[in-house]
Amino acid sequence: MVARLATMDEAIAGHCAELLCTARILTEPERVVGAEREEGELEFVHPLIATAVYNSIPSGVCTAMHGVAAQIITELDRGAAQAARHLLKVHPDGDEELVEQLREAAREHLAVGAPDAARTCLERALQEPPLPEVHAHVLYELGCATLLTAPAVTVEHLRHALGSPGLDGERRVDAVVRLSQALLHNDQLEEAVRTVEAEAARHEPGPVKLRLQAVQFMWEGIHGETVSPARSARLAELARTCTGRDNAERALLILRGFDAMTHGESADEVLELCDRALVNGRLAPGLGWTGQEWGIELLMMLGSAYAYADRLDRAESLFAEALRAYTSAGWRGGHLSLANAFLGLAYRRQGRLRDAETTLREALVLAERVGRRLPLYWSATCGLVDTLLARGRVDEAWSVAEQYGFAPPYPSTIVLPDIRCVRGRLLLAVGRSEDGIHELEAAEKTAASRGGHNPVLSPWSIDLAKAVAGQDPARAAQLAADARRQAERFGTDTAIGEALRCAAALETGGRAVQLAARAVTYLEASPCQYEHAAARVEYGIAARSAAELTRGLDLARACGAEGLVAQAREVLETGRGLR
């Protein structure tokens, strides 16, 4: 290859290489293959020598040689990505073939998880420039390369692409969906909804329109202010005719399942809808985590619906699959952050608090690289604060909240776990009772505007009942009764058990013991072991049972719930009134 680049006879080139090795400018390392030793490729003895030689080449000659080098690599089928290293150095000259080579190189880089290298290739392709009918396609591909690493940049590229001639048919629809997704991740959710709504209006009924309607419902479902009973009714009506025969119908089933979960409708119905969206218990082809058509948000909704409907095994499996997919693909931006955040959510729901904390801290590190105050950043921060509170590390939770700006104004997207509930619980834990009650009351108003809530996903009624019990017992009792009614409507062991825990906390004497015992029965059957541990400890205290307290202590220790461990140990050590 070097001989061809230097236009030298191979024999003469070999002699020159020997002279350069003797002069210790080049070296020819050996490599071991089995028991044999083979000659390796020529290398410079030191990078400084290579730099000096490169810089000594006259600029015009150097540029021309890069062009020749790219041609040699292409002829030898070494791949577009390797040739692109040289094409990037060639002066722009309206070369249509060069644009196509750089686009192919960008595809190769994306396939191995190198979006920054892909971005560099496509930016250089734009400088060439591409033909007018190709220009919009390059802009679209550039937007795809920066989707969850630089959402604001992606928005700009895709807007320019859609405003230029050339994007038609399915590629235009893909660009609109990608633009709306970038707007979502840039916290411009209202504009994301309007973007797909306007595109859907351009199409006749059919698969394309159905896909755009599903995406619109998806963004509306994430938008806290557009979730309403009327929207839920429209979605239910549209999903009622879906059998799951294609991915557009499967998407609508997932959206309907998520919507039903957030409103606290029957958990059995939620699970039935989600299961129908799968094919033999797995994600359908075209709906994978790295798929381009639907994006990450739809599958996060699917996993979340499972997580809050007590199917934590399936939720963990989905989110772990996402983490593996993005790690093996080399994606280090928002995709990997969200995968960690939602896997951390599954661990938190299971009661694996140590694993949840580790995973959520990794999610927060990755989210910071994309940008603070963006939706994925809130997911990681909120999940970490919630987990630290469950572990009993109140001071650390407050420190994280202060460090990462976990305070109003909140994003326009729905955050899991519920952001106002977590913030309210944090404020109550640090002694700012009035502020905490105000946050929980704001969550109550939001739930009323949406037409209902899931008492596990958004437990404001339970937390608020406990917070106001001392000053307004009648209101606390009404809130607890409402929480229990909503929990029984949803129907999971976790929901009913948590509602009974709340009711027990508001009672005294034998009634408190009876309710606490029932809470333990339900939560023992639940996959949420932290809540089970808390119920055991509370029952042990109410019933003055050393045996129950010891069981609760062991469960709390296994979960990593240090605050709960300390509480149980203190009661056991004092031993007053225990049997």
Protein backbone atom coordinates (compact mmCIF):
# COMPACT_ATOMS: atom_id res chain seq x y z
CA MET A 1 0.00 0.00 0.00
CA VAL A 2 2.79 2.42 0.86
CA ALA A 3 4.61 1.54 -2.37
CA ARG A 4 1.48 2.32 -4.37
CA LEU A 5 1.01 5.61 -2.53
CA ALA A 6 4.63 6.60 -3.26
CA THR A 7 4.34 5.29 -6.88
CA MET A 8 7.42 3.13 -6.33
CA ASP A 9 8.38 -0.32 -7.54
CA GLU A 10 7.79 -2.81 -4.71
CA ALA A 11 11.39 -4.02 -4.73
CA ILE A 12 12.72 -0.46 -4.43
CA ALA A 13 10.15 0.28 -1.73
CA GLY A 14 11.28 -2.81 0.20
CA HIS A 15 14.92 -1.66 0.00
CA CYS A 16 13.93 1.83 1.23
CA ALA A 17 12.01 0.29 4.13
CA GLU A 18 15.12 -1.69 5.16
CA LEU A 19 17.22 1.48 5.11
CA LEU A 20 14.63 3.33 7.24
CA CYS A 21 14.53 0.45 9.73
CA THR A 22 18.31 0.44 9.96
CA ALA A 23 18.24 4.20 10.61
CA ARG A 24 15.65 3.56 13.38
CA ILE A 25 13.02 5.69 11.68
CA LEU A 26 10.73 2.72 10.98
CA THR A 27 10.35 -0.53 12.89
CA GLU A 28 8.91 -3.83 11.77
CA PRO A 29 7.52 -5.55 14.89
CA GLU A 30 7.02 -9.28 14.97
CA ARG A 31 3.75 -10.85 16.07
CA VAL A 32 3.21 -14.37 17.35
CA VAL A 33 0.58 -16.52 15.61
CA GLY A 34 0.41 -19.89 17.40
CA ALA A 35 3.96 -21.20 17.48
CA GLU A 36 4.96 -19.17 14.43
CA ARG A 37 6.40 -15.68 14.27
CA GLU A 38 5.19 -13.46 11.45
CA GLU A 39 6.31 -10.05 10.30
CA GLY A 40 4.04 -7.20 11.38
CA GLU A 41 3.17 -3.95 9.62
CA LEU A 42 5.70 -1.15 9.34
CA GLU A 43 5.44 1.48 12.05
CA PHE A 44 7.32 4.64 12.95
CA VAL A 45 9.64 4.16 15.91
CA HIS A 46 8.00 7.10 17.69
CA PRO A 47 4.83 9.17 17.02
CA LEU A 48 6.90 12.38 17.05
CA ILE A 49 8.85 11.10 14.03
CA ALA A 50 5.60 10.32 12.22
CA THR A 51 4.28 13.82 12.97
CA ALA A 52 7.51 15.45 11.77
CA VAL A 53 7.44 13.48 8.50
CA TYR A 54 3.75 14.27 7.93
CA ASN A 55 4.25 17.99 8.60
CA SER A 56 7.19 18.10 6.18
CA ILE A 57 4.96 17.20 3.23
CA PRO A 58 3.85 20.35 1.33
CA SER A 59 0.19 21.09 1.97
CA GLY A 60 -1.02 20.62 -1.61
CA VAL A 61 0.91 17.38 -2.05
CA CYS A 62 -0.34 16.08 1.30
CA THR A 63 -3.97 16.70 0.34
CA ALA A 64 -3.52 14.94 -2.98
CA MET A 65 -1.84 11.97 -1.28
CA HIS A 66 -4.81 11.65 1.10
CA GLY A 67 -7.04 11.33 -1.96
CA VAL A 68 -4.80 8.64 -3.44
CA ALA A 69 -4.66 6.82 -0.08
CA ALA A 70 -8.47 6.76 0.10
CA GLN A 71 -8.63 5.36 -3.42
CA ILE A 72 -6.13 2.58 -2.59
CA ILE A 73 -8.06 1.60 0.56
CA THR A 74 -11.32 1.52 -1.39
CA GLU A 75 -9.83 -0.63 -4.17
CA LEU A 76 -8.53 -3.09 -1.56
CA ASP A 77 -12.00 -3.30 0.08
CA ARG A 78 -10.69 -2.11 3.46
CA GLY A 79 -14.01 -0.40 4.19
CA ALA A 80 -15.45 3.10 3.88
CA ALA A 81 -14.68 3.98 7.51
CA GLN A 82 -10.93 3.46 6.96
CA ALA A 83 -10.99 5.39 3.69
CA ALA A 84 -12.88 8.24 5.39
CA ARG A 85 -9.84 9.07 7.55
CA HIS A 86 -8.23 10.29 4.33
CA LEU A 87 -11.35 11.67 2.63
CA LEU A 88 -11.82 14.08 5.54
CA LYS A 89 -8.53 15.73 4.53
CA VAL A 90 -9.44 16.24 0.87
CA HIS A 91 -10.52 19.73 -0.24
CA PRO A 92 -14.27 20.09 -0.98
CA ASP A 93 -14.88 19.88 -4.72
CA GLY A 94 -18.49 18.85 -5.30
CA ASP A 95 -17.48 15.20 -5.64
CA GLU A 96 -20.69 13.12 -5.63
CA GLU A 97 -18.78 9.85 -5.13
CA LEU A 98 -16.92 11.25 -2.12
CA VAL A 99 -20.23 12.25 -0.50
CA GLU A 100 -21.53 8.69 -0.90
CA GLN A 101 -18.30 7.24 0.53
CA LEU A 102 -18.58 9.49 3.59
CA ARG A 103 -22.25 8.54 4.08
CA GLU A 104 -21.29 4.86 3.92
CA ALA A 105 -18.46 5.50 6.41
CA ALA A 106 -20.95 7.19 8.75
CA ARG A 107 -23.20 4.12 8.58
CA GLU A 108 -20.24 1.88 9.45
CA HIS A 109 -19.30 4.10 12.40
CA LEU A 110 -22.87 4.08 13.74
CA ALA A 111 -23.02 0.28 13.40
CA VAL A 112 -20.07 -0.07 15.81
CA GLY A 113 -21.27 2.62 18.23
CA ALA A 114 -19.17 5.60 17.12
CA PRO A 115 -21.71 8.42 16.59
CA ASP A 116 -19.07 11.17 16.91
CA ALA A 117 -17.04 9.68 14.05
CA ALA A 118 -20.24 9.38 12.00
CA ARG A 119 -21.08 13.02 12.71
CA THR A 120 -17.62 14.12 11.53
CA CYS A 121 -18.04 12.22 8.24
CA LEU A 122 -21.48 13.68 7.56
CA GLU A 123 -20.43 17.24 8.43
CA ARG A 124 -17.60 16.89 5.94
CA ALA A 125 -20.02 15.50 3.34
CA LEU A 126 -22.11 18.68 3.69
CA GLN A 127 -19.03 20.78 2.92
CA GLU A 128 -18.47 18.99 -0.40
CA PRO A 129 -21.46 19.87 -0.95
CA PRO A 130 -23.91 17.06 -1.86
CA LEU A 131 -26.20 17.32 -4.88
CA PRO A 132 -29.43 19.25 -4.09
CA GLU A 133 -31.54 16.09 -4.10
CA VAL A 134 -29.10 14.40 -1.67
CA HIS A 135 -28.54 17.35 0.67
CA ALA A 136 -31.68 16.75 2.78
CA HIS A 137 -30.81 13.06 3.18
CA VAL A 138 -27.34 13.93 4.54
CA LEU A 139 -28.90 16.38 7.00
CA TYR A 140 -31.35 13.68 8.10
CA GLU A 141 -28.54 11.17 8.64
CA LEU A 142 -26.57 13.79 10.57
CA GLY A 143 -29.59 14.36 12.80
CA CYS A 144 -29.84 10.63 13.47
CA ALA A 145 -26.16 10.50 14.45
CA THR A 146 -26.61 13.18 17.15
CA LEU A 147 -30.07 12.20 18.41
CA LEU A 148 -29.44 11.49 22.10
CA THR A 149 -25.99 13.02 22.44
CA ALA A 150 -26.94 16.56 21.31
CA PRO A 151 -30.74 16.94 21.07
CA ALA A 152 -30.64 20.68 20.27
CA VAL A 153 -28.22 20.11 17.38
CA THR A 154 -30.40 17.25 16.11
CA VAL A 155 -33.45 19.54 16.07
CA GLU A 156 -31.59 22.06 13.91
CA HIS A 157 -30.35 19.45 11.40
CA LEU A 158 -33.73 17.75 11.02
CA ARG A 159 -35.61 21.03 10.61
CA HIS A 160 -33.24 21.98 7.79
CA ALA A 161 -33.67 18.53 6.24
CA LEU A 162 -37.46 18.76 6.27
CA GLY A 163 -37.30 22.29 4.88
CA SER A 164 -35.16 21.16 1.94
CA PRO A 165 -36.40 19.33 -1.18
CA GLY A 166 -35.65 15.63 -1.49
CA LEU A 167 -37.14 13.99 1.61
CA ASP A 168 -40.25 12.13 0.51
CA GLY A 169 -42.30 9.11 1.46
CA GLU A 170 -41.15 6.91 4.31
CA ARG A 171 -37.87 8.82 4.79
CA ARG A 172 -39.81 12.06 5.40
CA VAL A 173 -42.04 10.34 7.99
CA ASP A 174 -38.91 8.92 9.68
CA ALA A 175 -37.43 12.43 9.80
CA VAL A 176 -40.60 13.88 11.34
CA VAL A 177 -40.65 11.16 14.01
CA ARG A 178 -36.95 11.71 14.75
CA LEU A 179 -37.48 15.47 14.97
CA SER A 180 -40.32 15.02 17.44
CA GLN A 181 -38.15 12.65 19.48
CA ALA A 182 -35.31 15.18 19.57
CA LEU A 183 -37.76 17.91 20.64
CA LEU A 184 -38.95 15.64 23.44
CA HIS A 185 -35.42 15.10 24.73
CA ASN A 186 -34.75 18.84 24.46
CA ASP A 187 -37.80 19.46 26.73
CA GLN A 188 -39.86 20.96 23.87
CA LEU A 189 -42.69 18.48 24.24
CA GLU A 190 -45.58 20.66 23.07
CA GLU A 191 -43.75 21.29 19.81
CA ALA A 192 -43.03 17.55 19.49
CA VAL A 193 -46.76 16.82 19.70
CA ARG A 194 -47.63 19.53 17.15
CA THR A 195 -44.95 18.27 14.75
CA VAL A 196 -46.34 14.73 14.44
CA GLU A 197 -49.95 15.97 14.54
CA ALA A 198 -49.33 18.23 11.54
CA GLU A 199 -47.61 15.43 9.60
CA ALA A 200 -50.43 12.97 10.39
CA ALA A 201 -52.95 15.44 8.93
CA ARG A 202 -51.14 15.20 5.56
CA HIS A 203 -51.81 11.45 5.20
CA GLU A 204 -54.84 9.35 4.37
CA PRO A 205 -55.91 6.55 6.74
CA GLY A 206 -53.46 3.67 6.58
CA PRO A 207 -50.29 2.28 8.20
CA VAL A 208 -48.35 5.58 7.92
CA LYS A 209 -51.11 7.64 9.51
CA LEU A 210 -51.57 5.00 12.22
CA ARG A 211 -47.85 5.15 13.02
CA LEU A 212 -47.94 8.96 13.33
CA GLN A 213 -51.07 8.79 15.49
CA ALA A 214 -49.32 6.30 17.76
CA VAL A 215 -46.29 8.60 18.07
CA GLN A 216 -48.59 11.53 18.87
CA PHE A 217 -50.31 9.50 21.59
CA MET A 218 -46.88 8.51 22.87
CA TRP A 219 -45.69 12.09 23.27
CA GLU A 220 -49.04 13.14 24.75
CA GLY A 221 -48.73 10.28 27.24
CA ILE A 222 -45.32 11.59 28.32
CA HIS A 223 -46.57 15.21 28.42
CA GLY A 224 -47.96 15.79 31.89
CA GLU A 225 -50.32 18.56 30.78
CA THR A 226 -51.94 16.79 27.80
CA VAL A 227 -52.88 13.61 29.67
CA SER A 228 -56.65 13.86 30.16
CA PRO A 229 -59.70 11.58 30.40
CA ALA A 230 -60.73 12.59 26.85
CA ARG A 231 -57.33 11.59 25.44
CA SER A 232 -57.44 8.28 27.30
CA ALA A 233 -60.89 7.56 25.86
CA ARG A 234 -59.66 8.25 22.29
CA LEU A 235 -56.64 6.00 22.82
CA ALA A 236 -58.78 3.22 24.30
CA GLU A 237 -61.14 3.41 21.33
CA LEU A 238 -58.28 3.24 18.82
CA ALA A 239 -56.54 0.37 20.67
CA ARG A 240 -59.75 -1.61 21.01
CA THR A 241 -59.57 -2.63 17.34
CA CYS A 242 -55.88 -3.62 17.53
CA THR A 243 -54.92 -7.28 17.54
CA GLY A 244 -51.14 -6.79 17.41
CA ARG A 245 -50.82 -7.84 13.78
CA ASP A 246 -48.13 -5.23 12.99
CA ASN A 247 -45.86 -2.88 14.93
CA ALA A 248 -48.18 0.12 14.64
CA GLU A 249 -50.90 -1.90 16.39
CA ARG A 250 -48.41 -3.26 18.92
CA ALA A 251 -47.32 0.31 19.66
CA LEU A 252 -50.92 1.35 20.32
CA LEU A 253 -51.40 -1.63 22.65
CA ILE A 254 -48.29 -0.59 24.61
CA LEU A 255 -49.49 3.02 24.78
CA ARG A 256 -52.92 1.93 25.97
CA GLY A 257 -51.35 -0.36 28.59
CA PHE A 258 -49.11 2.43 29.87
CA ASP A 259 -52.00 4.89 29.96
CA ALA A 260 -54.17 2.42 31.88
CA MET A 261 -51.33 1.82 34.33
CA THR A 262 -50.78 5.53 35.03
CA HIS A 263 -54.50 6.01 35.70
CA GLY A 264 -54.69 3.02 38.01
CA GLU A 265 -57.07 0.95 35.89
CA SER A 266 -57.15 -2.82 36.35
CA ALA A 267 -53.61 -4.21 36.48
CA ASP A 268 -54.85 -7.44 34.87
CA GLU A 269 -55.99 -5.42 31.85
CA VAL A 270 -52.68 -3.54 31.77
CA LEU A 271 -50.75 -6.82 31.67
CA GLU A 272 -53.06 -8.31 29.04
CA LEU A 273 -52.50 -5.30 26.75
CA CYS A 274 -48.73 -5.39 27.22
CA ASP A 275 -48.50 -9.14 26.66
CA ARG A 276 -50.46 -8.80 23.40
CA ALA A 277 -47.83 -6.36 22.17
CA LEU A 278 -45.15 -9.06 22.42
CA VAL A 279 -44.48 -11.95 20.06
CA ASN A 280 -43.98 -15.21 21.95
CA GLY A 281 -43.07 -13.20 25.02
CA ARG A 282 -40.39 -11.18 23.23
CA LEU A 283 -40.12 -7.86 21.43
CA ALA A 284 -41.28 -8.08 17.83
CA PRO A 285 -38.79 -7.61 14.97
CA GLY A 286 -38.52 -3.87 14.30
CA LEU A 287 -39.37 -3.03 17.91
CA GLY A 288 -35.92 -3.76 19.38
CA TRP A 289 -33.99 -1.34 21.56
CA THR A 290 -31.72 -0.22 18.71
CA GLY A 291 -34.55 -0.11 16.16
CA GLN A 292 -34.87 3.12 14.21
CA GLU A 293 -38.61 3.23 13.52
CA TRP A 294 -40.10 3.66 17.01
CA GLY A 295 -37.31 4.70 19.33
CA ILE A 296 -36.53 4.05 22.98
CA GLU A 297 -39.52 5.77 24.62
CA LEU A 298 -42.15 3.22 23.58
CA LEU A 299 -40.22 0.34 25.12
CA MET A 300 -39.54 2.35 28.28
CA MET A 301 -43.32 2.72 28.58
CA LEU A 302 -43.75 -1.03 28.14
CA GLY A 303 -41.19 -1.82 30.83
CA SER A 304 -42.66 0.80 33.19
CA ALA A 305 -46.17 -0.62 32.79
CA TYR A 306 -44.82 -4.03 33.80
CA ALA A 307 -42.81 -2.51 36.69
CA TYR A 308 -45.80 -0.81 38.32
CA ALA A 309 -48.20 -3.70 37.65
CA ASP A 310 -46.08 -6.08 39.78
CA ARG A 311 -44.42 -7.85 36.82
CA LEU A 312 -40.95 -6.78 37.88
CA ASP A 313 -39.33 -9.89 36.41
CA ARG A 314 -40.41 -8.85 32.92
CA ALA A 315 -39.52 -5.18 33.57
CA GLU A 316 -36.02 -6.08 34.71
CA SER A 317 -35.55 -8.39 31.72
CA LEU A 318 -36.55 -5.63 29.27
CA PHE A 319 -34.34 -2.95 30.84
CA ALA A 320 -31.37 -5.30 31.22
CA GLU A 321 -31.77 -6.17 27.53
CA ALA A 322 -31.67 -2.45 26.73
CA LEU A 323 -28.47 -2.01 28.72
CA ARG A 324 -26.82 -4.94 26.94
CA ALA A 325 -27.93 -3.71 23.52
CA TYR A 326 -26.60 -0.18 24.01
CA THR A 327 -23.38 -1.31 25.67
CA SER A 328 -22.56 -3.80 22.91
CA ALA A 329 -23.41 -1.18 20.27
CA GLY A 330 -21.09 1.32 21.98
CA TRP A 331 -23.82 3.93 22.54
CA ARG A 332 -22.69 6.16 25.39
CA GLY A 333 -25.23 8.99 25.26
CA GLY A 334 -28.83 9.38 26.35
CA HIS A 335 -29.81 5.83 25.36
CA LEU A 336 -27.39 4.28 27.85
CA SER A 337 -28.36 6.79 30.55
CA LEU A 338 -32.05 5.95 30.20
CA ALA A 339 -31.32 2.21 30.16
CA ASN A 340 -29.45 2.56 33.46
CA ALA A 341 -32.13 4.83 34.95
CA PHE A 342 -34.98 2.44 34.16
CA LEU A 343 -33.03 -0.65 35.20
CA GLY A 344 -32.38 1.22 38.45
CA LEU A 345 -36.15 1.80 38.71
CA ALA A 346 -36.76 -1.96 38.38
CA TYR A 347 -34.14 -2.68 41.06
CA ARG A 348 -35.70 -0.05 43.34
CA ARG A 349 -39.15 -1.58 42.94
CA GLN A 350 -37.73 -5.04 43.68
CA GLY A 351 -36.09 -3.78 46.87
CA ARG A 352 -32.54 -4.26 45.54
CA LEU A 353 -31.57 -0.84 46.83
CA ARG A 354 -27.79 -1.22 46.60
CA ASP A 355 -27.99 -2.27 42.94
CA ALA A 356 -30.48 0.52 42.27
CA GLU A 357 -28.19 3.18 43.74
CA THR A 358 -25.16 2.00 41.74
CA THR A 359 -27.10 1.86 38.48
CA LEU A 360 -28.79 5.23 38.98
CA ARG A 361 -25.50 6.95 39.79
CA GLU A 362 -24.12 5.65 36.49
CA ALA A 363 -27.26 6.94 34.73
CA LEU A 364 -26.71 10.39 36.25
CA VAL A 365 -23.07 10.54 35.13
CA LEU A 366 -24.10 9.72 31.56
CA ALA A 367 -27.04 12.15 31.66
CA GLU A 368 -24.79 15.03 32.68
CA ARG A 369 -22.78 14.58 29.49
CA VAL A 370 -25.93 15.16 27.44
CA GLY A 371 -27.09 18.19 29.40
CA ARG A 372 -28.60 19.23 32.71
CA ARG A 373 -32.32 19.88 33.15
CA LEU A 374 -33.23 17.65 30.20
CA PRO A 375 -35.88 14.92 30.79
CA LEU A 376 -33.43 12.01 30.94
CA TYR A 377 -31.42 13.96 33.55
CA TRP A 378 -34.53 14.28 35.74
CA SER A 379 -35.23 10.54 35.49
CA ALA A 380 -31.79 9.66 36.85
CA THR A 381 -31.86 12.32 39.59
CA CYS A 382 -35.39 11.53 40.77
CA GLY A 383 -34.71 7.80 40.86
CA LEU A 384 -31.51 8.29 42.87
CA VAL A 385 -33.19 10.58 45.44
CA ASP A 386 -36.06 8.09 45.82
CA THR A 387 -33.62 5.20 46.33
CA LEU A 388 -31.53 7.08 48.90
CA LEU A 389 -34.69 7.92 50.85
CA ALA A 390 -35.65 4.22 50.84
CA ARG A 391 -32.18 3.38 52.13
CA GLY A 392 -32.68 5.84 54.98
CA ARG A 393 -29.92 8.19 53.83
CA VAL A 394 -31.91 11.40 54.15
CA ASP A 395 -28.93 13.77 54.37
CA GLU A 396 -27.33 12.21 51.29
CA ALA A 397 -30.63 12.41 49.39
CA TRP A 398 -30.88 16.11 50.24
CA SER A 399 -27.27 16.68 49.18
CA VAL A 400 -27.92 15.01 45.80
CA ALA A 401 -31.07 17.12 45.37
CA GLU A 402 -29.13 20.31 46.08
CA GLN A 403 -26.16 19.35 43.89
CA TYR A 404 -28.23 18.36 40.86
CA GLY A 405 -31.03 20.95 41.08
CA PHE A 406 -33.83 18.58 42.05
CA ALA A 407 -36.37 21.37 42.57
CA PRO A 408 -38.92 23.36 40.54
CA PRO A 409 -39.32 24.26 37.74
CA TYR A 410 -39.94 20.69 36.67
CA PRO A 411 -39.76 19.37 33.09
CA SER A 412 -42.89 19.18 30.96
CA THR A 413 -42.51 15.39 30.66
CA ILE A 414 -43.76 12.76 33.09
CA VAL A 415 -40.86 11.51 35.21
CA LEU A 416 -40.78 8.07 36.83
CA PRO A 417 -40.95 7.77 39.78
CA ASP A 418 -43.41 10.68 40.23
CA ILE A 419 -41.28 13.76 40.67
CA ARG A 420 -43.60 15.72 42.98
CA CYS A 421 -44.17 12.73 45.25
CA VAL A 422 -40.44 12.11 45.62
CA ARG A 423 -39.72 15.80 46.20
CA GLY A 424 -42.59 16.00 48.72
CA ARG A 425 -41.32 12.94 50.60
CA LEU A 426 -37.82 14.43 50.65
CA LEU A 427 -39.06 17.72 52.11
CA LEU A 428 -41.02 15.88 54.80
CA ALA A 429 -37.96 13.78 55.64
CA VAL A 430 -35.75 16.84 56.21
CA GLY A 431 -38.37 18.54 58.39
CA ARG A 432 -39.82 21.01 55.87
CA SER A 433 -43.34 19.72 56.47
CA GLU A 434 -45.29 22.66 55.05
CA ASP A 435 -43.31 22.64 51.79
CA GLY A 436 -43.64 18.87 51.55
CA ILE A 437 -47.41 19.02 51.98
CA HIS A 438 -47.64 21.70 49.26
CA GLU A 439 -45.72 19.45 46.84
CA LEU A 440 -48.01 16.50 47.56
CA GLU A 441 -51.10 18.70 47.14
CA ALA A 442 -49.75 19.82 43.76
CA ALA A 443 -49.44 16.13 42.82
CA GLU A 444 -53.07 15.69 43.93
CA LYS A 445 -54.22 18.47 41.58
CA THR A 446 -52.27 16.96 38.70
CA ALA A 447 -53.87 13.56 39.28
CA ALA A 448 -57.34 15.14 39.36
CA SER A 449 -56.73 16.85 36.00
CA ARG A 450 -55.66 13.53 34.47
CA GLY A 451 -58.69 11.66 35.73
CA GLY A 452 -57.08 9.36 38.26
CA HIS A 453 -53.75 7.93 39.32
CA ASN A 454 -51.92 4.74 40.19
CA PRO A 455 -51.31 4.79 43.97
CA VAL A 456 -48.01 2.90 43.53
CA LEU A 457 -46.69 5.07 40.70
CA SER A 458 -47.85 8.32 42.36
CA PRO A 459 -48.40 7.65 46.09
CA TRP A 460 -49.24 11.26 47.01
CA SER A 461 -52.47 10.26 48.80
CA ILE A 462 -50.61 7.85 51.10
CA ASP A 463 -47.78 10.27 51.89
CA LEU A 464 -50.17 13.20 52.30
CA ALA A 465 -52.46 11.25 54.64
CA LYS A 466 -49.54 10.50 56.97
CA ALA A 467 -48.27 14.09 56.75
CA VAL A 468 -51.57 15.74 57.77
CA ALA A 469 -52.74 13.09 60.27
CA GLY A 470 -51.61 15.10 63.30
CA GLN A 471 -53.30 18.36 62.33
CA ASP A 472 -56.31 17.13 60.32
CA PRO A 473 -57.23 13.52 61.16
CA ALA A 474 -60.50 13.66 59.21
CA ARG A 475 -58.71 14.66 56.01
CA ALA A 476 -56.05 12.01 56.61
CA ALA A 477 -58.74 9.34 57.01
CA GLN A 478 -60.44 10.43 53.78
CA LEU A 479 -57.14 10.37 51.89
CA ALA A 480 -56.36 6.89 53.22
CA ALA A 481 -59.81 5.66 52.22
CA ASP A 482 -59.38 7.11 48.73
CA ALA A 483 -55.96 5.45 48.42
CA ARG A 484 -57.41 2.11 49.45
CA ARG A 485 -60.28 2.37 46.97
CA GLN A 486 -57.86 3.26 44.16
CA ALA A 487 -55.53 0.43 45.19
CA GLU A 488 -58.34 -2.12 45.10
CA ARG A 489 -59.35 -0.85 41.66
CA PHE A 490 -55.78 -1.35 40.40
CA GLY A 491 -55.68 -4.70 42.16
CA THR A 492 -51.99 -5.53 42.70
CA ASP A 493 -50.66 -6.94 45.97
CA THR A 494 -48.29 -3.98 46.23
CA ALA A 495 -51.00 -1.34 45.80
CA ILE A 496 -53.38 -2.92 48.31
CA GLY A 497 -50.59 -3.68 50.78
CA GLU A 498 -49.31 -0.09 50.68
CA ALA A 499 -52.82 1.29 51.18
CA LEU A 500 -53.27 -0.99 54.22
CA ARG A 501 -49.92 0.16 55.63
CA CYS A 502 -51.17 3.73 55.39
CA ALA A 503 -54.48 2.85 57.07
CA ALA A 504 -52.62 1.04 59.89
CA ALA A 505 -50.38 4.08 60.49
CA LEU A 506 -53.47 6.21 61.16
CA GLU A 507 -55.00 3.77 63.67
CA THR A 508 -54.11 2.68 67.20
CA GLY A 509 -54.55 -0.43 69.32
CA GLY A 510 -56.03 -3.61 67.96
CA ARG A 511 -57.30 -2.00 64.77
CA ALA A 512 -53.76 -0.88 63.86
CA VAL A 513 -52.41 -4.39 64.51
CA GLN A 514 -55.13 -5.97 62.37
CA LEU A 515 -54.50 -3.63 59.42
CA ALA A 516 -50.72 -4.02 59.71
CA ALA A 517 -51.09 -7.81 59.65
CA ARG A 518 -53.20 -7.60 56.47
CA ALA A 519 -50.62 -5.30 54.87
CA VAL A 520 -47.92 -7.90 55.58
CA THR A 521 -50.04 -10.63 53.98
CA TYR A 522 -50.43 -8.68 50.73
CA LEU A 523 -46.85 -7.39 50.58
CA GLU A 524 -45.39 -10.82 51.28
CA ALA A 525 -47.00 -11.87 47.98
CA SER A 526 -45.65 -8.75 46.25
CA PRO A 527 -42.32 -8.63 44.36
CA CYS A 528 -41.51 -5.33 46.16
CA GLN A 529 -39.36 -6.54 49.04
CA TYR A 530 -38.50 -3.16 50.55
CA GLU A 531 -42.20 -2.44 51.10
CA HIS A 532 -42.57 -5.95 52.53
CA ALA A 533 -39.69 -5.30 54.94
CA ALA A 534 -41.21 -1.98 56.04
CA ALA A 535 -44.60 -3.63 56.62
CA ARG A 536 -42.95 -6.39 58.71
CA VAL A 537 -41.17 -3.86 60.91
CA GLU A 538 -44.33 -1.78 61.36
CA TYR A 539 -46.36 -4.88 62.19
CA GLY A 540 -43.72 -6.06 64.65
CA ILE A 541 -43.83 -2.69 66.42
CA ALA A 542 -47.65 -2.54 66.46
CA ALA A 543 -48.02 -6.15 67.64
CA ARG A 544 -44.99 -5.88 69.97
CA SER A 545 -43.65 -9.04 68.37
CA ALA A 546 -39.90 -9.64 68.57
CA ALA A 547 -40.21 -12.44 66.02
CA GLU A 548 -41.88 -10.20 63.41
CA LEU A 549 -39.40 -7.41 64.09
CA THR A 550 -36.52 -9.83 63.58
CA ARG A 551 -37.99 -11.01 60.28
CA GLY A 552 -38.43 -7.39 59.21
CA LEU A 553 -34.86 -6.63 60.25
CA ASP A 554 -33.49 -9.49 58.14
CA LEU A 555 -35.53 -8.39 55.11
CA ALA A 556 -34.42 -4.77 55.52
CA ARG A 557 -30.79 -5.80 55.78
CA ALA A 558 -31.09 -7.88 52.58
CA CYS A 559 -32.60 -4.87 50.78
CA GLY A 560 -29.92 -2.45 51.95
CA ALA A 561 -32.50 -0.34 53.79
CA GLU A 562 -30.18 1.01 56.48
CA GLY A 563 -32.76 3.35 58.03
CA LEU A 564 -35.26 0.53 58.43
CA VAL A 565 -32.55 -1.71 59.92
CA ALA A 566 -31.68 0.96 62.50
CA GLN A 567 -35.35 1.44 63.41
CA ALA A 568 -35.96 -2.29 63.93
CA ARG A 569 -32.71 -2.78 65.83
CA GLU A 570 -33.46 0.10 68.19
CA VAL A 571 -36.85 -1.36 69.14
CA LEU A 572 -35.38 -4.83 69.58
CA GLU A 573 -32.51 -3.57 71.72
CA THR A 574 -34.77 -1.57 74.04
CA GLY A 575 -37.19 -4.49 74.13
CA ARG A 576 -39.93 -2.59 75.91
CA GLY A 577 -43.21 -4.46 75.79
CA LEU A 578 -41.99 -6.97 73.20
CA ARG A 579 -43.19 -10.54 73.34
